[in-house]
Amino acid sequence: MSRQQHPVGTYGEISVKRQPTGSYRAATRFYFPSGPELVQAYAKTAEQAKSRLLEKLRDLKPQHRGASITVKTTLLELGTILLSEMEADPDETEGNIEDYRREIFVSRDKRANSATIKIENSIGWMAIWQADSGQLDAHLRKIIARGNRRKAKQHRIILRRMMDIAARALGWSDNPIDRTVYLGKRKTVARGKIRELEALPRLRQQLRDWADGKAVPGGTEYTSGPPRDYAIPLVFDLDLDTGLRPYEIFAVLLDDIRDLDTDDPYLLVTGTLIETKGKGTGGWIRKPVPKSENGWRGVWLSRYGAAAVRALVKELEDSKRPNPDGLLLPSRSGTPRSPNNFNRAFREARGTEFEWVTLRTLRKAVSTRVYERTQDGDAARRQLGNTKDIARTHYTDMPDMAPDHRSIIEELFGST
């Protein structure tokens, strides 16, 4: 039988022997990345010798930002260390840190779905030595089997960074995540592409029916309780009209809306929402800059988008709700509207027939239709704010204006 291999950073059995001089020697083998080496300590008594040896061994274990990483460190502990690293890195954005935190830890919000897979409630208990490629691959495939490929990609990215920390601390030469399921670009046409765009006008009408209290496929008719969210169909129209990122929509200010009563209304994208950690579930705040440098832009509004904005402004005026930040879409209490709360209502409104549609799907729909009709990839990317401004030559302090695609985008709304 071959000798059992010891993980890096561990040590073998400690032996204590009395020396001819009367002192005691405590010794063991410590397993470095380069191989095992004898470590020993001497003292007048056996107990003192063993204590001194344990102190030496403690100092030999890898230290990482105040946390000792060994093969027995759990993935949840490793995730906490990763978040600490990110918080100490000035190049990491608050939004990115919160995205990682939401996938590592289970939400403490009572309204959150407890069955949602997070690292904490799935593989967080697992020690580093147990987290081989097979275990990590099984975790990712479980998420994919639930129809959430995008979430699987997120977990793969997070786990890669976590296991990179472990590899550095323990002297590994590779990362076990590298041998897991490939999650690159799919060869098949995904939902939200050209073949699905013709269904969007039907969904648009369904959202209005839902807001009016009618039943939708997979749902029930409204009978009692808080009124359904009036903003669901209006946000749908605004996103389908502009292709804004979901968090950009909820960060639009009233002052960002320009020339609404003219033939050429538009809005400026000047910020985004980020979720901050705090007591309980934390909260959403508006960050006064877009997600990226290229996100600062102006977007034309077609008659559909302009109508949605007018309806939202009128509702604000009629409700007289507090709105200290001057947002187009504040919550009932006047704070930034939680995208999580909106998404819960949107999932109910879209029903079972349109489960494949999210706000990100609409963003893809806009890009797809603009590119289909213009055959201009740069124009489509500028509409979404994803590229550098190559035309900003004379007015460096002016936001890039997306090309006027209103007539093209209006086709997505159907004939109504």
Protein backbone atom coordinates (compact mmCIF):
# COMPACT_ATOMS: atom_id res chain seq x y z
CA MET A 1 0.00 0.00 0.00
CA SER A 2 1.40 3.43 -0.94
CA ARG A 3 2.01 5.99 1.76
CA GLN A 4 -0.80 8.49 2.23
CA GLN A 5 -0.02 11.90 0.76
CA HIS A 6 -0.18 14.82 3.18
CA PRO A 7 -1.71 18.12 2.02
CA VAL A 8 0.59 21.15 1.85
CA GLY A 9 0.52 23.18 5.07
CA THR A 10 -0.03 20.22 7.39
CA TYR A 11 2.31 18.23 9.60
CA GLY A 12 2.67 14.67 10.81
CA GLU A 13 2.60 13.10 14.25
CA ILE A 14 4.67 14.89 16.90
CA SER A 15 7.25 12.81 18.76
CA VAL A 16 8.89 13.91 22.03
CA LYS A 17 12.14 12.29 23.22
CA ARG A 18 14.51 12.87 26.11
CA GLN A 19 17.99 13.79 25.00
CA PRO A 20 21.30 12.52 26.54
CA THR A 21 21.84 16.01 27.96
CA GLY A 22 18.55 15.80 29.92
CA SER A 23 16.60 18.19 27.70
CA TYR A 24 13.66 17.18 25.52
CA ARG A 25 13.24 17.35 21.75
CA ALA A 26 9.86 17.59 20.02
CA ALA A 27 9.90 16.88 16.27
CA THR A 28 7.63 16.34 13.27
CA ARG A 29 7.63 16.69 9.51
CA PHE A 30 6.01 19.79 8.01
CA TYR A 31 4.75 19.50 4.43
CA PHE A 32 5.92 22.48 2.39
CA PRO A 33 5.03 22.96 -1.31
CA SER A 34 8.57 21.77 -2.08
CA GLY A 35 8.22 18.65 0.08
CA PRO A 36 8.41 17.50 3.74
CA GLU A 37 11.04 18.89 6.10
CA LEU A 38 11.90 18.04 9.69
CA VAL A 39 10.93 20.71 12.22
CA GLN A 40 12.05 20.41 15.84
CA ALA A 41 12.21 22.32 19.12
CA TYR A 42 14.10 21.82 22.42
CA ALA A 43 13.20 22.62 26.04
CA LYS A 44 13.86 21.51 29.61
CA THR A 45 10.55 19.60 29.82
CA ALA A 46 8.58 17.52 27.34
CA GLU A 47 5.57 19.83 27.58
CA GLN A 48 7.64 22.94 26.92
CA ALA A 49 9.32 21.31 23.92
CA LYS A 50 5.98 20.39 22.40
CA SER A 51 4.62 23.91 22.99
CA ARG A 52 7.63 25.50 21.31
CA LEU A 53 7.24 23.16 18.35
CA LEU A 54 3.56 24.03 17.97
CA GLU A 55 4.49 27.73 17.94
CA LYS A 56 6.96 27.06 15.12
CA LEU A 57 4.35 25.12 13.17
CA ARG A 58 1.83 27.89 13.62
CA ASP A 59 4.26 30.40 12.14
CA LEU A 60 4.92 28.09 9.17
CA LYS A 61 1.24 27.92 8.16
CA PRO A 62 0.31 30.32 5.37
CA GLN A 63 -1.03 33.63 6.62
CA HIS A 64 -3.47 35.60 4.50
CA ARG A 65 -4.70 39.04 5.55
CA GLY A 66 -4.96 38.00 9.16
CA ALA A 67 -6.69 34.70 8.36
CA SER A 68 -4.79 31.41 8.35
CA ILE A 69 -5.60 29.37 5.25
CA THR A 70 -5.15 25.62 5.52
CA VAL A 71 -6.60 22.70 3.64
CA LYS A 72 -9.31 22.60 6.31
CA THR A 73 -10.47 26.16 5.58
CA THR A 74 -14.05 26.04 4.29
CA LEU A 75 -15.16 27.61 1.03
CA LEU A 76 -17.42 29.97 2.97
CA GLU A 77 -14.41 31.17 4.96
CA LEU A 78 -12.46 31.48 1.73
CA GLY A 79 -15.28 33.57 0.25
CA THR A 80 -15.11 35.89 3.25
CA ILE A 81 -11.37 36.31 2.70
CA LEU A 82 -11.99 37.10 -0.98
CA LEU A 83 -14.48 39.83 -0.05
CA SER A 84 -11.95 41.29 2.41
CA GLU A 85 -9.37 41.40 -0.38
CA MET A 86 -11.80 43.12 -2.71
CA GLU A 87 -12.80 45.70 -0.11
CA ALA A 88 -9.12 46.57 0.39
CA ASP A 89 -8.56 46.98 -3.37
CA PRO A 90 -9.24 50.57 -4.53
CA ASP A 91 -9.82 49.34 -8.08
CA GLU A 92 -12.81 47.19 -7.04
CA THR A 93 -16.20 48.89 -7.34
CA GLU A 94 -18.78 48.73 -4.58
CA GLY A 95 -21.26 47.26 -7.04
CA ASN A 96 -18.95 44.40 -7.98
CA ILE A 97 -18.25 43.62 -4.32
CA GLU A 98 -21.97 43.47 -3.61
CA ASP A 99 -22.55 41.23 -6.62
CA TYR A 100 -20.00 38.79 -5.19
CA ARG A 101 -21.44 39.06 -1.68
CA ARG A 102 -24.96 38.24 -2.94
CA GLU A 103 -23.73 35.05 -4.60
CA ILE A 104 -21.57 33.94 -1.66
CA PHE A 105 -23.99 34.52 1.21
CA VAL A 106 -27.65 33.56 1.63
CA SER A 107 -29.93 36.60 1.82
CA ARG A 108 -31.34 37.32 5.28
CA ASP A 109 -34.35 39.03 3.70
CA LYS A 110 -37.46 37.10 4.76
CA ARG A 111 -38.92 37.59 1.28
CA ALA A 112 -35.94 35.94 -0.43
CA ASN A 113 -36.33 32.46 -1.87
CA SER A 114 -34.51 30.10 0.51
CA ALA A 115 -34.05 27.58 -2.33
CA THR A 116 -31.86 29.97 -4.33
CA ILE A 117 -28.40 28.46 -4.70
CA LYS A 118 -25.63 30.42 -3.03
CA ILE A 119 -22.14 29.26 -2.18
CA GLU A 120 -23.02 29.38 1.52
CA ASN A 121 -25.97 26.96 1.33
CA SER A 122 -24.54 24.61 -1.29
CA ILE A 123 -20.78 24.04 -1.02
CA GLY A 124 -19.85 26.56 1.67
CA TRP A 125 -19.36 23.79 4.25
CA MET A 126 -16.79 22.06 2.07
CA ALA A 127 -13.12 22.24 3.08
CA ILE A 128 -10.55 23.30 0.50
CA TRP A 129 -9.10 19.80 0.27
CA GLN A 130 -12.56 18.48 -0.64
CA ALA A 131 -13.21 21.08 -3.32
CA ASP A 132 -11.69 19.24 -6.24
CA SER A 133 -12.69 19.69 -9.87
CA GLY A 134 -15.39 17.03 -9.59
CA GLN A 135 -17.14 18.71 -6.67
CA LEU A 136 -16.95 22.18 -8.22
CA ASP A 137 -18.13 20.85 -11.58
CA ALA A 138 -21.13 19.15 -9.95
CA HIS A 139 -22.03 22.45 -8.26
CA LEU A 140 -21.97 24.36 -11.56
CA ARG A 141 -23.94 21.68 -13.41
CA LYS A 142 -26.61 21.73 -10.70
CA ILE A 143 -27.13 25.44 -11.34
CA ILE A 144 -27.21 24.91 -15.11
CA ALA A 145 -29.79 22.12 -14.70
CA ARG A 146 -32.07 24.66 -13.05
CA GLY A 147 -31.94 26.75 -16.22
CA ASN A 148 -29.65 29.45 -14.84
CA ARG A 149 -26.57 29.39 -17.00
CA ARG A 150 -25.76 33.03 -16.25
CA LYS A 151 -25.68 32.31 -12.51
CA ALA A 152 -23.40 29.34 -13.15
CA LYS A 153 -21.00 31.68 -14.97
CA GLN A 154 -21.06 34.04 -11.98
CA HIS A 155 -20.27 31.21 -9.56
CA ARG A 156 -17.45 29.97 -11.77
CA ILE A 157 -15.86 33.43 -11.79
CA ILE A 158 -16.19 33.79 -8.01
CA LEU A 159 -14.93 30.28 -7.31
CA ARG A 160 -11.94 30.87 -9.58
CA ARG A 161 -10.89 33.88 -7.52
CA MET A 162 -11.49 32.01 -4.27
CA MET A 163 -9.45 29.00 -5.34
CA ASP A 164 -6.69 31.31 -6.66
CA ILE A 165 -6.30 32.56 -3.09
CA ALA A 166 -6.10 28.98 -1.85
CA ALA A 167 -3.57 28.05 -4.54
CA ARG A 168 -1.30 30.96 -3.60
CA ALA A 169 -1.54 30.19 0.10
CA LEU A 170 -1.02 26.45 -0.21
CA GLY A 171 1.50 26.40 -3.06
CA TRP A 172 -0.72 24.75 -5.67
CA SER A 173 0.37 24.94 -9.28
CA ASP A 174 -3.12 24.91 -10.77
CA ASN A 175 -6.71 25.86 -10.02
CA PRO A 176 -9.32 23.04 -9.87
CA ILE A 177 -11.96 25.30 -11.42
CA ASP A 178 -10.03 25.13 -14.71
CA ARG A 179 -11.17 21.54 -15.24
CA THR A 180 -14.89 22.21 -14.73
CA VAL A 181 -17.68 22.58 -17.29
CA TYR A 182 -16.99 25.09 -20.06
CA LEU A 183 -19.39 28.02 -19.95
CA GLY A 184 -18.37 29.96 -23.00
CA LYS A 185 -20.55 31.25 -25.77
CA ARG A 186 -23.40 28.95 -26.73
CA LYS A 187 -23.61 27.74 -30.31
CA THR A 188 -27.40 27.63 -30.30
CA VAL A 189 -29.48 30.78 -30.67
CA ALA A 190 -30.39 32.04 -27.20
CA ARG A 191 -33.72 33.45 -26.04
CA GLY A 192 -33.98 37.16 -26.61
CA LYS A 193 -32.45 36.99 -30.08
CA ILE A 194 -34.15 37.69 -33.40
CA ARG A 195 -36.53 34.73 -33.36
CA GLU A 196 -38.12 35.91 -30.10
CA LEU A 197 -38.62 39.61 -30.80
CA GLU A 198 -42.01 39.19 -32.42
CA ALA A 199 -43.41 38.01 -29.06
CA LEU A 200 -42.58 41.23 -27.21
CA PRO A 201 -45.73 43.19 -28.21
CA ARG A 202 -47.86 40.37 -26.72
CA LEU A 203 -45.89 40.51 -23.49
CA ARG A 204 -46.29 44.28 -23.46
CA GLN A 205 -50.07 43.92 -23.56
CA GLN A 206 -49.99 41.17 -20.93
CA LEU A 207 -48.12 43.45 -18.52
CA ARG A 208 -50.85 46.05 -18.89
CA ASP A 209 -53.52 43.44 -18.28
CA TRP A 210 -51.69 42.31 -15.15
CA ALA A 211 -51.40 45.88 -13.84
CA ASP A 212 -55.17 46.25 -14.41
CA GLY A 213 -55.78 43.24 -12.15
CA LYS A 214 -56.39 40.58 -14.79
CA ALA A 215 -55.02 37.03 -14.57
CA VAL A 216 -52.02 36.06 -16.69
CA PRO A 217 -50.80 32.56 -17.65
CA GLY A 218 -49.47 30.95 -14.51
CA GLY A 219 -50.99 33.64 -12.26
CA THR A 220 -54.27 34.65 -10.67
CA GLU A 221 -56.64 37.56 -10.94
CA TYR A 222 -56.18 40.42 -8.48
CA THR A 223 -58.83 40.35 -5.75
CA SER A 224 -57.42 42.10 -2.69
CA GLY A 225 -54.26 43.39 -1.05
CA PRO A 226 -51.82 46.12 -2.11
CA PRO A 227 -52.44 47.38 -5.64
CA ARG A 228 -50.29 45.91 -8.35
CA ASP A 229 -47.24 47.90 -9.35
CA TYR A 230 -48.28 50.46 -11.96
CA ALA A 231 -44.65 50.88 -13.04
CA ILE A 232 -44.16 47.36 -14.44
CA PRO A 233 -45.49 48.04 -17.98
CA LEU A 234 -43.97 51.54 -18.02
CA VAL A 235 -40.48 50.34 -17.09
CA PHE A 236 -40.85 47.63 -19.74
CA ASP A 237 -41.62 50.28 -22.37
CA LEU A 238 -38.76 52.51 -21.26
CA ASP A 239 -36.23 49.67 -21.28
CA LEU A 240 -37.42 48.33 -24.61
CA ASP A 241 -37.15 51.85 -26.01
CA THR A 242 -33.66 52.65 -24.75
CA GLY A 243 -31.78 49.42 -23.95
CA LEU A 244 -30.60 50.84 -20.64
CA ARG A 245 -29.02 48.54 -18.08
CA PRO A 246 -31.55 47.54 -15.40
CA TYR A 247 -29.79 49.50 -12.67
CA GLU A 248 -29.46 52.53 -14.95
CA ILE A 249 -33.23 52.72 -15.39
CA PHE A 250 -33.86 52.98 -11.65
CA ALA A 251 -31.14 55.64 -11.37
CA VAL A 252 -32.64 58.03 -13.98
CA LEU A 253 -33.19 61.51 -12.52
CA LEU A 254 -35.99 63.86 -13.50
CA ASP A 255 -33.25 66.30 -14.47
CA ASP A 256 -31.84 63.69 -16.87
CA ILE A 257 -34.97 63.91 -19.05
CA ARG A 258 -34.60 66.52 -21.76
CA ASP A 259 -36.96 68.12 -24.30
CA LEU A 260 -39.83 65.81 -23.34
CA ASP A 261 -42.45 68.05 -24.92
CA THR A 262 -40.63 68.41 -28.24
CA ASP A 263 -40.34 66.14 -31.25
CA ASP A 264 -36.87 65.02 -30.15
CA PRO A 265 -36.96 64.03 -26.47
CA TYR A 266 -34.02 62.19 -24.95
CA LEU A 267 -32.58 61.24 -21.60
CA LEU A 268 -29.08 61.25 -20.21
CA VAL A 269 -27.58 58.25 -18.44
CA THR A 270 -25.68 59.77 -15.53
CA GLY A 271 -25.72 57.11 -12.81
CA THR A 272 -26.53 53.61 -11.67
CA LEU A 273 -27.75 51.86 -8.52
CA ILE A 274 -25.54 49.84 -6.21
CA GLU A 275 -26.52 47.79 -3.18
CA THR A 276 -24.61 48.52 -0.01
CA LYS A 277 -24.10 46.24 2.95
CA GLY A 278 -25.72 47.40 6.16
CA LYS A 279 -27.93 46.29 8.98
CA GLY A 280 -30.38 43.62 7.92
CA THR A 281 -30.43 43.42 4.14
CA GLY A 282 -28.51 46.60 3.37
CA GLY A 283 -29.95 49.08 0.90
CA TRP A 284 -29.79 50.56 -2.57
CA ILE A 285 -28.18 53.91 -3.29
CA ARG A 286 -27.66 55.91 -6.45
CA LYS A 287 -24.09 56.19 -7.63
CA PRO A 288 -23.68 59.46 -9.61
CA VAL A 289 -21.64 57.82 -12.37
CA PRO A 290 -22.64 55.02 -14.77
CA LYS A 291 -21.30 51.50 -14.58
CA SER A 292 -18.45 52.29 -16.97
CA GLU A 293 -16.81 55.27 -18.63
CA ASN A 294 -18.72 54.52 -21.82
CA GLY A 295 -22.04 54.36 -19.98
CA TRP A 296 -22.32 58.15 -19.77
CA ARG A 297 -24.44 58.88 -22.80
CA GLY A 298 -27.65 60.34 -24.17
CA VAL A 299 -30.42 58.13 -25.58
CA TRP A 300 -33.25 59.29 -27.82
CA LEU A 301 -36.81 58.51 -26.78
CA SER A 302 -39.35 57.28 -29.30
CA ARG A 303 -43.03 58.07 -28.81
CA TYR A 304 -43.35 54.92 -26.70
CA GLY A 305 -40.50 55.78 -24.38
CA ALA A 306 -41.63 59.40 -24.11
CA ALA A 307 -45.17 58.27 -23.26
CA ALA A 308 -43.83 56.00 -20.53
CA VAL A 309 -41.77 58.83 -19.03
CA ARG A 310 -44.76 61.21 -19.11
CA ALA A 311 -46.89 58.61 -17.32
CA LEU A 312 -44.24 58.09 -14.66
CA VAL A 313 -43.83 61.84 -14.12
CA LYS A 314 -47.61 62.30 -13.84
CA GLU A 315 -47.86 59.49 -11.28
CA LEU A 316 -45.13 61.17 -9.22
CA GLU A 317 -46.99 64.46 -9.30
CA ASP A 318 -50.33 62.88 -8.40
CA SER A 319 -48.97 60.70 -5.58
CA LYS A 320 -46.99 63.55 -3.97
CA ARG A 321 -44.64 60.92 -2.56
CA PRO A 322 -41.32 62.06 -1.11
CA ASN A 323 -38.53 62.14 -3.67
CA PRO A 324 -35.45 63.79 -2.16
CA ASP A 325 -33.10 62.44 -4.85
CA GLY A 326 -35.29 63.60 -7.74
CA LEU A 327 -35.59 60.09 -9.20
CA LEU A 328 -37.91 59.15 -12.02
CA LEU A 329 -38.70 55.83 -10.31
CA PRO A 330 -38.47 56.22 -6.52
CA SER A 331 -39.99 53.74 -4.10
CA ARG A 332 -43.14 54.59 -2.16
CA SER A 333 -40.95 55.94 0.65
CA GLY A 334 -38.87 58.08 -1.71
CA THR A 335 -35.73 55.96 -1.63
CA PRO A 336 -34.21 54.35 -4.75
CA ARG A 337 -36.50 51.57 -5.92
CA SER A 338 -35.11 48.11 -5.18
CA PRO A 339 -34.46 46.19 -8.42
CA ASN A 340 -35.05 43.00 -6.42
CA ASN A 341 -38.57 44.09 -5.48
CA PHE A 342 -39.26 45.14 -9.06
CA ASN A 343 -38.03 41.81 -10.41
CA ARG A 344 -40.32 39.88 -8.07
CA ALA A 345 -43.34 41.77 -9.39
CA PHE A 346 -42.10 41.49 -12.98
CA ARG A 347 -41.78 37.70 -12.70
CA GLU A 348 -45.37 37.51 -11.55
CA ALA A 349 -46.54 39.78 -14.36
CA ARG A 350 -44.70 37.97 -17.17
CA GLY A 351 -46.28 34.65 -16.14
CA THR A 352 -45.22 31.27 -17.40
CA GLU A 353 -45.34 32.00 -21.12
CA PHE A 354 -42.63 34.65 -20.95
CA GLU A 355 -40.37 33.22 -18.27
CA TRP A 356 -37.40 33.76 -20.57
CA VAL A 357 -37.80 37.57 -20.56
CA THR A 358 -35.89 39.80 -18.15
CA LEU A 359 -34.90 43.45 -18.40
CA ARG A 360 -31.55 42.26 -19.75
CA THR A 361 -33.43 40.43 -22.52
CA LEU A 362 -34.91 43.76 -23.62
CA ARG A 363 -31.44 45.26 -23.70
CA LYS A 364 -30.35 42.44 -26.01
CA ALA A 365 -33.48 42.93 -28.12
CA VAL A 366 -32.66 46.59 -28.72
CA SER A 367 -29.08 45.80 -29.69
CA THR A 368 -30.16 42.96 -31.96
CA ARG A 369 -32.79 44.99 -33.83
CA VAL A 370 -30.56 48.04 -34.26
CA TYR A 371 -27.73 45.91 -35.63
CA GLU A 372 -30.10 43.92 -37.86
CA ARG A 373 -31.38 47.07 -39.55
CA THR A 374 -28.21 49.17 -39.61
CA GLN A 375 -25.55 46.45 -39.93
CA ASP A 376 -23.47 48.77 -37.78
CA GLY A 377 -22.02 47.05 -34.71
CA ASP A 378 -20.61 50.29 -33.35
CA ALA A 379 -24.02 51.98 -33.55
CA ALA A 380 -25.63 49.14 -31.60
CA ARG A 381 -22.92 49.22 -28.93
CA ARG A 382 -23.18 53.00 -28.59
CA GLN A 383 -26.91 52.63 -28.04
CA LEU A 384 -26.10 50.42 -25.04
CA GLY A 385 -23.12 52.48 -23.84
CA ASN A 386 -20.63 49.66 -24.18
CA THR A 387 -17.87 51.26 -26.28
CA LYS A 388 -15.42 54.13 -25.96
CA ASP A 389 -16.46 57.40 -27.51
CA ILE A 390 -14.38 57.62 -30.66
CA ALA A 391 -16.36 60.64 -31.86
CA ARG A 392 -15.83 62.81 -28.79
CA THR A 393 -13.38 65.21 -30.40
CA HIS A 394 -14.65 68.75 -30.07
CA TYR A 395 -16.87 68.58 -26.97
CA THR A 396 -15.06 66.45 -24.41
CA ASP A 397 -17.42 67.53 -21.63
CA MET A 398 -20.55 66.58 -23.55
CA PRO A 399 -22.02 63.06 -23.30
CA ASP A 400 -21.99 60.91 -26.41
CA MET A 401 -25.39 60.93 -28.10
CA ALA A 402 -26.58 57.52 -29.24
CA PRO A 403 -27.70 57.48 -32.91
CA ASP A 404 -31.40 58.15 -33.51
CA HIS A 405 -32.90 54.65 -33.75
CA ARG A 406 -36.45 55.55 -32.72
CA SER A 407 -38.12 54.47 -35.94
CA ILE A 408 -36.35 51.11 -35.76
CA ILE A 409 -37.04 50.46 -32.09
CA GLU A 410 -40.73 51.40 -32.41
CA GLU A 411 -41.22 48.23 -34.47
CA LEU A 412 -40.71 46.22 -31.27
CA PHE A 413 -43.92 47.64 -29.83
CA GLY A 414 -46.17 46.30 -32.58
CA SER A 415 -48.90 48.35 -34.17
CA THR A 416 -50.64 49.60 -30.99
